[in-house]
Amino acid sequence: MRITQIIETPVRLRGEIANALVDFSRHTVSLVAVVSDQIRDGKPVTGVGFNSIGRFAQGGILAERMIPRVLRADPESLLDDAGRIDPALVLRCALTDEKPGGHGDRAGAAAALELACWDLNAKLADEPAYRTIAGYFGRDTVPASVPVYAAGGYYYPGDDSGAGLDRLHTEIRGYLDMGYDAVKMKIGGASMSQDLARIEAVIDVVGSGARVAVDANGRFEEAAAVEWARALSGYGLRWYEEPGDPLDFAVNAAVTADYDGAIATGENLFSVRDATNLVRYGGMRPGIDIFQMDAGLSYGLTEYARMIDMVEAHGFDRRCAFPHGGHLINLHIVVGLGLGGCESYPGVFAPFGGYAPDCVLAEGTIAPTDAPGFGLECKPDLAAVIADLVG
């Protein structure tokens, strides 16, 4: 058993949307294929992964550093005792000679490579990735389905023309019609009065603030973050997400000290060390607040599972984890690790966002299919990109 080839290609996200800080119209994602020497149906079994959404592709880091390290390694050094590719060993090899700290784009590059190894192992075992993940981490049972919410409510070109509320209303109604019963929307990209009107419009559609989360994407300094918390306090929202810079734990602590509702954050923390500092200094409250770290942005599932162990060691339940990302890989991770729920991008970030058509969505929960691996090839728009990559 050996890896014979590793291929990376940048894939541009489709659509013109923005949050309070970022225009995603030029964003890319690294799609990685790990090709094995195992042959099925006349073709090598190939694992596929990507680095999640919200950061750019990392082709240079992968091509110049990580892929050569893995390919020149002794193939036996990448295998576990059963002779299977060990994602943790592949990750360690990919990070050879990298200094600790500075968890930027290399965290996403490594994640794309490491996650492709999980997909490969699940395909070799002819089972869905959630079962491979559950077995690896000693979890005997997995839930049939998990809570899910639709993430949307972005800013679009022309929203300031007066048509924005009508478009937002139609978008959110569409998510309810699909079977979602909770949604997330963006704030911080317009004036407070405009954004509060947008929040009220969404609540009007879904029927309750408890079914609406708002996301500032790190937009605010402390005074504005706290002011927003006070403005939001009367809506009974599901959560107020990433009010300040993700590494400014003092801002997060100031908000949690002044806001009775849930805070959600962590998607831009790429290591267990940074997540530990959030727990130590960010004012996170067990039983209230939500952790959103994302394996696709933080060195892959190996590091992400260590994050979950860490938050549990500090008195939090793993069901407080709702990974950022809104795609099939994180759905399998949530199911396999028994986490609280999953984000979904049903209308944005194609071809990666959202789930395969055969995933069953009902009453606000969703179940992955039993397709081998992460089932990325079952998502038609993504399957076409994968076919171009692996031939």
Protein backbone atom coordinates (compact mmCIF):
# COMPACT_ATOMS: atom_id res chain seq x y z
CA MET A 1 0.00 0.00 0.00
CA ARG A 2 1.52 3.29 -1.05
CA ILE A 3 0.68 6.75 -2.33
CA THR A 4 1.74 7.05 -5.96
CA GLN A 5 0.67 10.60 -6.79
CA ILE A 6 -0.75 13.74 -5.13
CA ILE A 7 -2.48 16.32 -7.32
CA GLU A 8 -3.71 19.81 -6.37
CA THR A 9 -5.77 22.27 -8.36
CA PRO A 10 -7.28 25.62 -7.37
CA VAL A 11 -11.03 25.85 -7.93
CA ARG A 12 -12.76 29.20 -8.07
CA LEU A 13 -15.94 29.66 -6.04
CA ARG A 14 -19.02 30.67 -8.00
CA GLY A 15 -21.15 33.70 -7.23
CA GLU A 16 -20.79 37.29 -6.13
CA ILE A 17 -21.37 37.57 -2.41
CA ALA A 18 -19.71 39.37 0.47
CA ASN A 19 -19.72 39.47 4.25
CA ALA A 20 -18.75 42.45 6.37
CA LEU A 21 -15.08 42.19 5.38
CA VAL A 22 -14.59 39.85 2.41
CA ASP A 23 -15.73 39.79 -1.22
CA PHE A 24 -15.79 36.10 -2.18
CA SER A 25 -16.14 36.57 -5.93
CA ARG A 26 -12.42 35.89 -6.51
CA HIS A 27 -11.91 33.25 -3.82
CA THR A 28 -10.46 29.84 -4.61
CA VAL A 29 -10.23 26.47 -2.85
CA SER A 30 -7.48 23.83 -3.09
CA LEU A 31 -8.86 20.50 -4.28
CA VAL A 32 -6.41 17.66 -3.58
CA ALA A 33 -6.36 14.07 -4.83
CA VAL A 34 -4.23 11.38 -3.14
CA VAL A 35 -3.77 8.47 -5.55
CA SER A 36 -3.00 5.00 -4.19
CA ASP A 37 -1.56 1.87 -5.80
CA GLN A 38 -4.76 -0.06 -4.99
CA ILE A 39 -6.83 -0.81 -8.09
CA ARG A 40 -10.63 -1.07 -8.15
CA ASP A 41 -12.66 -1.42 -11.35
CA GLY A 42 -9.50 -0.85 -13.35
CA LYS A 43 -8.66 2.49 -11.70
CA PRO A 44 -6.49 3.45 -8.72
CA VAL A 45 -8.43 4.22 -5.55
CA THR A 46 -8.11 7.96 -4.98
CA GLY A 47 -8.92 10.05 -1.93
CA VAL A 48 -10.18 13.60 -2.41
CA GLY A 49 -10.22 16.51 0.03
CA PHE A 50 -10.22 20.28 0.10
CA ASN A 51 -9.26 23.07 2.47
CA SER A 52 -12.78 24.34 3.25
CA ILE A 53 -14.21 27.73 2.38
CA GLY A 54 -13.14 31.24 3.31
CA ARG A 55 -9.41 31.11 2.65
CA PHE A 56 -7.68 31.01 -0.72
CA ALA A 57 -6.18 27.93 -2.39
CA GLN A 58 -2.69 26.97 -1.20
CA GLY A 59 -1.20 25.42 -4.32
CA GLY A 60 2.25 26.91 -3.76
CA ILE A 61 2.61 25.56 -0.23
CA LEU A 62 1.40 22.14 -1.32
CA ALA A 63 3.47 21.90 -4.51
CA GLU A 64 6.70 23.35 -3.15
CA ARG A 65 6.77 21.88 0.36
CA MET A 66 4.17 19.41 1.47
CA ILE A 67 3.54 17.15 -1.52
CA PRO A 68 7.28 16.54 -2.21
CA ARG A 69 7.86 15.63 1.44
CA VAL A 70 5.13 13.00 1.38
CA LEU A 71 6.10 11.53 -1.98
CA ARG A 72 9.77 11.13 -1.08
CA ALA A 73 9.01 9.53 2.30
CA ASP A 74 9.46 5.80 2.84
CA PRO A 75 5.96 4.46 2.00
CA GLU A 76 6.04 2.24 5.09
CA SER A 77 6.51 5.30 7.30
CA LEU A 78 3.03 6.54 6.32
CA LEU A 79 1.17 3.34 7.26
CA ASP A 80 -0.48 2.26 10.50
CA ASP A 81 -0.04 -1.18 12.04
CA ALA A 82 -2.77 -2.60 9.79
CA GLY A 83 -1.00 -1.40 6.65
CA ARG A 84 -3.40 1.47 5.92
CA ILE A 85 -2.46 5.06 5.18
CA ASP A 86 -2.40 6.87 8.54
CA PRO A 87 -3.58 10.48 8.06
CA ALA A 88 -1.75 11.58 11.21
CA LEU A 89 1.55 10.21 9.86
CA VAL A 90 0.96 11.85 6.49
CA LEU A 91 0.30 15.14 8.28
CA ARG A 92 3.46 14.82 10.34
CA CYS A 93 5.47 14.12 7.21
CA ALA A 94 3.90 17.08 5.36
CA LEU A 95 4.93 19.39 8.23
CA THR A 96 8.56 18.26 8.37
CA ASP A 97 10.87 21.20 9.22
CA GLU A 98 7.93 23.58 9.74
CA LYS A 99 8.30 25.72 12.87
CA PRO A 100 5.49 25.72 15.43
CA GLY A 101 3.15 28.71 15.48
CA GLY A 102 2.16 30.93 12.59
CA HIS A 103 -0.91 28.89 11.74
CA GLY A 104 -1.86 30.62 8.51
CA ASP A 105 -2.37 29.22 5.02
CA ARG A 106 -0.20 26.17 5.68
CA ALA A 107 -2.92 24.93 8.07
CA GLY A 108 -5.41 24.80 5.20
CA ALA A 109 -2.87 23.30 2.81
CA ALA A 110 -2.09 20.49 5.22
CA ALA A 111 -5.80 20.00 5.90
CA ALA A 112 -6.64 19.42 2.24
CA LEU A 113 -3.95 16.74 2.02
CA GLU A 114 -4.82 15.10 5.34
CA LEU A 115 -8.56 15.02 4.65
CA ALA A 116 -7.97 13.39 1.28
CA CYS A 117 -6.28 10.55 3.19
CA TRP A 118 -9.43 10.04 5.27
CA ASP A 119 -11.47 9.87 2.08
CA LEU A 120 -8.99 7.36 0.65
CA ASN A 121 -9.17 5.08 3.70
CA ALA A 122 -12.95 5.13 3.74
CA LYS A 123 -13.09 4.25 0.05
CA LEU A 124 -10.62 1.40 0.56
CA ALA A 125 -12.86 0.11 3.36
CA ASP A 126 -15.92 0.64 1.12
CA GLU A 127 -17.70 2.62 3.81
CA PRO A 128 -18.82 6.22 4.37
CA ALA A 129 -16.23 8.45 5.98
CA TYR A 130 -18.31 8.96 9.12
CA ARG A 131 -17.94 5.26 9.92
CA THR A 132 -14.19 5.35 9.31
CA ILE A 133 -13.93 8.41 11.56
CA ALA A 134 -16.09 6.92 14.31
CA GLY A 135 -14.11 3.68 14.30
CA TYR A 136 -10.74 5.44 14.35
CA PHE A 137 -11.72 7.51 17.40
CA GLY A 138 -13.36 4.62 19.25
CA ARG A 139 -16.97 5.69 18.85
CA ASP A 140 -19.18 2.62 18.50
CA THR A 141 -22.38 4.37 17.44
CA VAL A 142 -23.12 7.31 15.22
CA PRO A 143 -26.35 9.33 14.98
CA ALA A 144 -28.64 8.71 12.04
CA SER A 145 -28.87 12.44 11.40
CA VAL A 146 -27.66 15.68 12.96
CA PRO A 147 -29.05 19.22 13.33
CA VAL A 148 -28.21 21.53 10.45
CA TYR A 149 -28.78 25.19 9.64
CA ALA A 150 -28.68 27.09 6.36
CA ALA A 151 -26.00 29.77 6.19
CA GLY A 152 -26.80 32.63 3.86
CA GLY A 153 -27.96 36.20 4.22
CA TYR A 154 -24.84 37.60 2.55
CA TYR A 155 -24.51 41.02 0.98
CA TYR A 156 -25.03 41.11 -2.78
CA PRO A 157 -24.24 43.77 -5.37
CA GLY A 158 -27.17 46.17 -5.54
CA ASP A 159 -28.49 45.45 -2.04
CA ASP A 160 -28.31 49.16 -1.27
CA SER A 161 -30.73 49.89 -4.10
CA GLY A 162 -33.72 49.03 -1.94
CA ALA A 163 -34.22 45.52 -3.32
CA GLY A 164 -32.05 43.85 -0.68
CA LEU A 165 -34.81 43.05 1.81
CA ASP A 166 -36.99 41.47 -0.87
CA ARG A 167 -34.09 39.31 -2.05
CA LEU A 168 -33.23 38.35 1.55
CA HIS A 169 -36.86 37.44 2.27
CA THR A 170 -37.00 35.22 -0.81
CA GLU A 171 -33.67 33.55 0.02
CA ILE A 172 -34.62 32.66 3.59
CA ARG A 173 -38.06 31.42 2.54
CA GLY A 174 -36.31 29.16 0.04
CA TYR A 175 -34.24 27.57 2.82
CA LEU A 176 -37.37 26.82 4.84
CA ASP A 177 -38.96 25.27 1.77
CA MET A 178 -35.92 22.98 1.42
CA GLY A 179 -36.46 21.65 4.96
CA TYR A 180 -34.13 23.82 7.04
CA ASP A 181 -35.66 25.24 10.20
CA ALA A 182 -32.75 27.46 11.31
CA VAL A 183 -30.68 29.99 9.36
CA LYS A 184 -27.67 32.27 9.69
CA MET A 185 -27.19 35.72 8.17
CA LYS A 186 -24.46 38.35 7.97
CA ILE A 187 -24.23 41.64 9.84
CA GLY A 188 -21.63 44.40 9.99
CA GLY A 189 -21.59 45.18 6.27
CA ALA A 190 -24.25 47.89 6.49
CA SER A 191 -25.31 50.45 9.06
CA MET A 192 -26.72 49.14 12.34
CA SER A 193 -30.18 50.38 11.46
CA GLN A 194 -30.06 48.64 8.08
CA ASP A 195 -28.77 45.41 9.57
CA LEU A 196 -31.37 45.41 12.34
CA ALA A 197 -34.04 45.82 9.66
CA ARG A 198 -32.52 42.82 7.85
CA ILE A 199 -32.56 40.75 11.07
CA GLU A 200 -36.19 41.64 11.69
CA ALA A 201 -37.07 40.67 8.12
CA VAL A 202 -35.46 37.24 8.59
CA ILE A 203 -37.15 36.69 11.95
CA ASP A 204 -40.44 37.56 10.29
CA VAL A 205 -39.86 34.77 7.76
CA VAL A 206 -38.70 32.02 10.15
CA GLY A 207 -40.98 32.98 13.03
CA SER A 208 -38.52 33.19 15.93
CA GLY A 209 -35.18 34.77 16.80
CA ALA A 210 -34.18 31.42 18.32
CA ARG A 211 -33.98 30.09 14.75
CA VAL A 212 -31.72 32.90 13.51
CA ALA A 213 -27.98 33.32 14.06
CA VAL A 214 -26.07 36.45 13.04
CA ASP A 215 -22.43 36.57 11.98
CA ALA A 216 -20.20 39.68 12.09
CA ASN A 217 -17.14 37.83 10.70
CA GLY A 218 -14.76 39.57 13.12
CA ARG A 219 -15.83 43.03 11.97
CA PHE A 220 -16.05 44.94 15.27
CA GLU A 221 -13.64 46.46 17.75
CA GLU A 222 -14.60 46.00 21.40
CA ALA A 223 -16.88 49.03 21.83
CA ALA A 224 -18.85 48.26 18.68
CA ALA A 225 -19.00 44.53 19.48
CA VAL A 226 -20.52 45.26 22.88
CA GLU A 227 -22.87 47.89 21.44
CA TRP A 228 -24.09 45.32 18.95
CA ALA A 229 -24.54 42.74 21.71
CA ARG A 230 -26.84 45.16 23.53
CA ALA A 231 -28.75 45.90 20.34
CA LEU A 232 -29.22 42.18 19.70
CA SER A 233 -30.18 41.19 23.23
CA GLY A 234 -33.91 41.65 22.71
CA TYR A 235 -34.19 39.34 19.72
CA GLY A 236 -33.46 36.03 21.50
CA LEU A 237 -31.13 34.94 18.72
CA ARG A 238 -29.66 31.49 18.28
CA TRP A 239 -26.19 33.02 18.51
CA TYR A 240 -24.06 36.11 17.79
CA GLU A 241 -21.07 34.91 15.81
CA GLU A 242 -17.47 36.16 15.73
CA PRO A 243 -18.12 39.70 16.98
CA GLY A 244 -14.43 40.69 16.92
CA ASP A 245 -11.08 39.66 15.53
CA PRO A 246 -10.74 35.90 16.08
CA LEU A 247 -7.48 36.28 18.02
CA ASP A 248 -8.66 39.19 20.17
CA PHE A 249 -9.91 37.09 23.04
CA ALA A 250 -10.47 40.18 25.19
CA VAL A 251 -13.19 41.36 22.78
CA ASN A 252 -14.92 37.99 22.98
CA ALA A 253 -14.70 38.04 26.78
CA ALA A 254 -16.13 41.56 26.91
CA VAL A 255 -19.10 40.47 24.80
CA THR A 256 -19.83 37.34 26.82
CA ALA A 257 -19.70 39.42 30.00
CA ASP A 258 -22.40 41.73 28.61
CA TYR A 259 -24.58 39.36 26.59
CA ASP A 260 -26.79 36.61 27.98
CA GLY A 261 -27.23 34.91 24.62
CA ALA A 262 -24.83 32.48 22.97
CA ILE A 263 -21.62 33.58 21.28
CA ALA A 264 -20.20 31.41 18.48
CA THR A 265 -16.59 31.65 17.34
CA GLY A 266 -13.45 29.70 16.48
CA GLU A 267 -13.67 29.18 12.72
CA ASN A 268 -10.49 31.21 12.22
CA LEU A 269 -8.46 29.41 14.88
CA PHE A 270 -6.24 26.87 13.15
CA SER A 271 -4.49 25.01 15.98
CA VAL A 272 -5.29 23.39 19.29
CA ARG A 273 -3.04 26.00 20.97
CA ASP A 274 -5.12 28.90 19.66
CA ALA A 275 -8.36 27.15 20.56
CA THR A 276 -7.00 26.55 24.07
CA ASN A 277 -6.33 30.27 24.40
CA LEU A 278 -9.92 30.97 23.38
CA VAL A 279 -11.11 28.73 26.22
CA ARG A 280 -8.66 30.28 28.69
CA TYR A 281 -9.11 33.94 27.85
CA GLY A 282 -12.16 34.37 25.63
CA GLY A 283 -14.89 34.10 28.24
CA MET A 284 -16.52 31.05 26.65
CA ARG A 285 -19.29 29.63 28.87
CA PRO A 286 -20.06 25.90 29.10
CA GLY A 287 -23.64 25.12 28.18
CA ILE A 288 -24.08 28.43 26.34
CA ASP A 289 -21.43 29.21 23.75
CA ILE A 290 -20.53 27.49 20.48
CA PHE A 291 -17.17 26.42 19.02
CA GLN A 292 -16.84 26.57 15.22
CA MET A 293 -13.33 25.34 14.46
CA ASP A 294 -13.10 23.74 11.03
CA ALA A 295 -10.89 20.74 10.21
CA GLY A 296 -10.48 21.97 6.64
CA LEU A 297 -8.79 25.13 7.87
CA SER A 298 -6.83 23.66 10.78
CA TYR A 299 -4.45 20.91 9.62
CA GLY A 300 -7.25 18.40 9.09
CA LEU A 301 -9.14 15.98 11.29
CA THR A 302 -6.10 14.97 13.37
CA GLU A 303 -5.74 18.48 14.82
CA TYR A 304 -9.48 19.08 14.92
CA ALA A 305 -10.10 15.99 17.06
CA ARG A 306 -7.47 17.26 19.50
CA MET A 307 -9.43 20.51 19.72
CA ILE A 308 -12.58 18.61 20.63
CA ASP A 309 -10.69 16.67 23.30
CA MET A 310 -9.39 19.97 24.67
CA VAL A 311 -12.78 21.67 24.97
CA GLU A 312 -14.17 18.59 26.71
CA ALA A 313 -11.23 18.63 29.14
CA HIS A 314 -12.24 22.20 30.03
CA GLY A 315 -15.80 21.25 30.91
CA PHE A 316 -17.57 21.75 27.59
CA ASP A 317 -19.75 19.13 25.91
CA ARG A 318 -18.68 18.15 22.37
CA ARG A 319 -22.22 18.96 21.28
CA CYS A 320 -21.25 22.63 21.61
CA ALA A 321 -19.18 22.16 18.42
CA PHE A 322 -20.79 23.24 15.14
CA PRO A 323 -17.97 23.31 12.56
CA HIS A 324 -17.83 26.16 10.09
CA GLY A 325 -17.84 25.15 6.45
CA GLY A 326 -21.23 24.00 5.21
CA HIS A 327 -20.05 21.04 3.11
CA LEU A 328 -19.99 17.25 2.96
CA ILE A 329 -16.63 16.75 4.67
CA ASN A 330 -17.78 18.50 7.82
CA LEU A 331 -21.11 16.67 7.75
CA HIS A 332 -19.24 13.36 8.00
CA ILE A 333 -17.00 14.74 10.76
CA VAL A 334 -20.00 15.93 12.79
CA VAL A 335 -21.72 12.55 12.46
CA GLY A 336 -18.56 10.53 13.10
CA LEU A 337 -17.50 12.51 16.18
CA GLY A 338 -20.99 13.03 17.63
CA LEU A 339 -20.88 16.83 17.54
CA GLY A 340 -23.74 19.27 18.00
CA GLY A 341 -24.60 19.99 14.42
CA CYS A 342 -23.47 21.23 11.05
CA GLU A 343 -23.57 24.31 8.89
CA SER A 344 -24.86 24.12 5.31
CA TYR A 345 -24.34 26.36 2.29
CA PRO A 346 -27.32 25.35 0.14
CA GLY A 347 -27.25 28.47 -2.01
CA VAL A 348 -23.67 29.76 -1.95
CA PHE A 349 -20.03 28.74 -2.47
CA ALA A 350 -20.59 26.29 -5.32
CA PRO A 351 -19.28 23.77 -6.16
CA PHE A 352 -18.20 22.98 -2.59
CA GLY A 353 -21.06 24.36 -0.49
CA GLY A 354 -24.05 22.26 0.45
CA TYR A 355 -24.68 18.55 0.35
CA ALA A 356 -25.33 15.79 -2.18
CA PRO A 357 -28.90 15.45 -3.47
CA ASP A 358 -29.36 12.08 -1.75
CA CYS A 359 -28.57 13.44 1.73
CA VAL A 360 -31.87 13.33 3.61
CA LEU A 361 -32.93 16.71 5.05
CA ALA A 362 -36.01 16.65 7.26
CA GLU A 363 -37.23 18.75 10.18
CA GLY A 364 -33.96 20.60 10.52
CA THR A 365 -31.71 17.53 10.56
CA ILE A 366 -29.66 15.90 7.85
CA ALA A 367 -28.10 12.49 7.28
CA PRO A 368 -25.17 11.70 4.97
CA THR A 369 -25.46 8.92 2.44
CA ASP A 370 -23.59 5.63 2.70
CA ALA A 371 -21.51 6.36 -0.40
CA PRO A 372 -17.85 5.43 0.20
CA GLY A 373 -15.66 8.22 1.53
CA PHE A 374 -17.00 11.74 1.96
CA GLY A 375 -19.30 11.18 -1.01
CA LEU A 376 -17.97 14.22 -2.84
CA GLU A 377 -18.46 12.49 -6.16
CA CYS A 378 -22.19 12.28 -5.41
CA LYS A 379 -22.49 16.06 -5.60
CA PRO A 380 -22.93 16.69 -9.34
CA ASP A 381 -21.26 20.11 -9.63
CA LEU A 382 -18.29 18.97 -7.52
CA ALA A 383 -18.10 15.56 -9.24
CA ALA A 384 -17.39 17.29 -12.54
CA VAL A 385 -14.45 19.18 -11.02
CA ILE A 386 -13.09 16.00 -9.41
CA ALA A 387 -13.33 14.15 -12.73
CA ASP A 388 -11.26 16.88 -14.37
CA LEU A 389 -8.65 16.55 -11.62
CA VAL A 390 -8.22 12.77 -11.49
CA GLY A 391 -9.23 11.80 -15.02
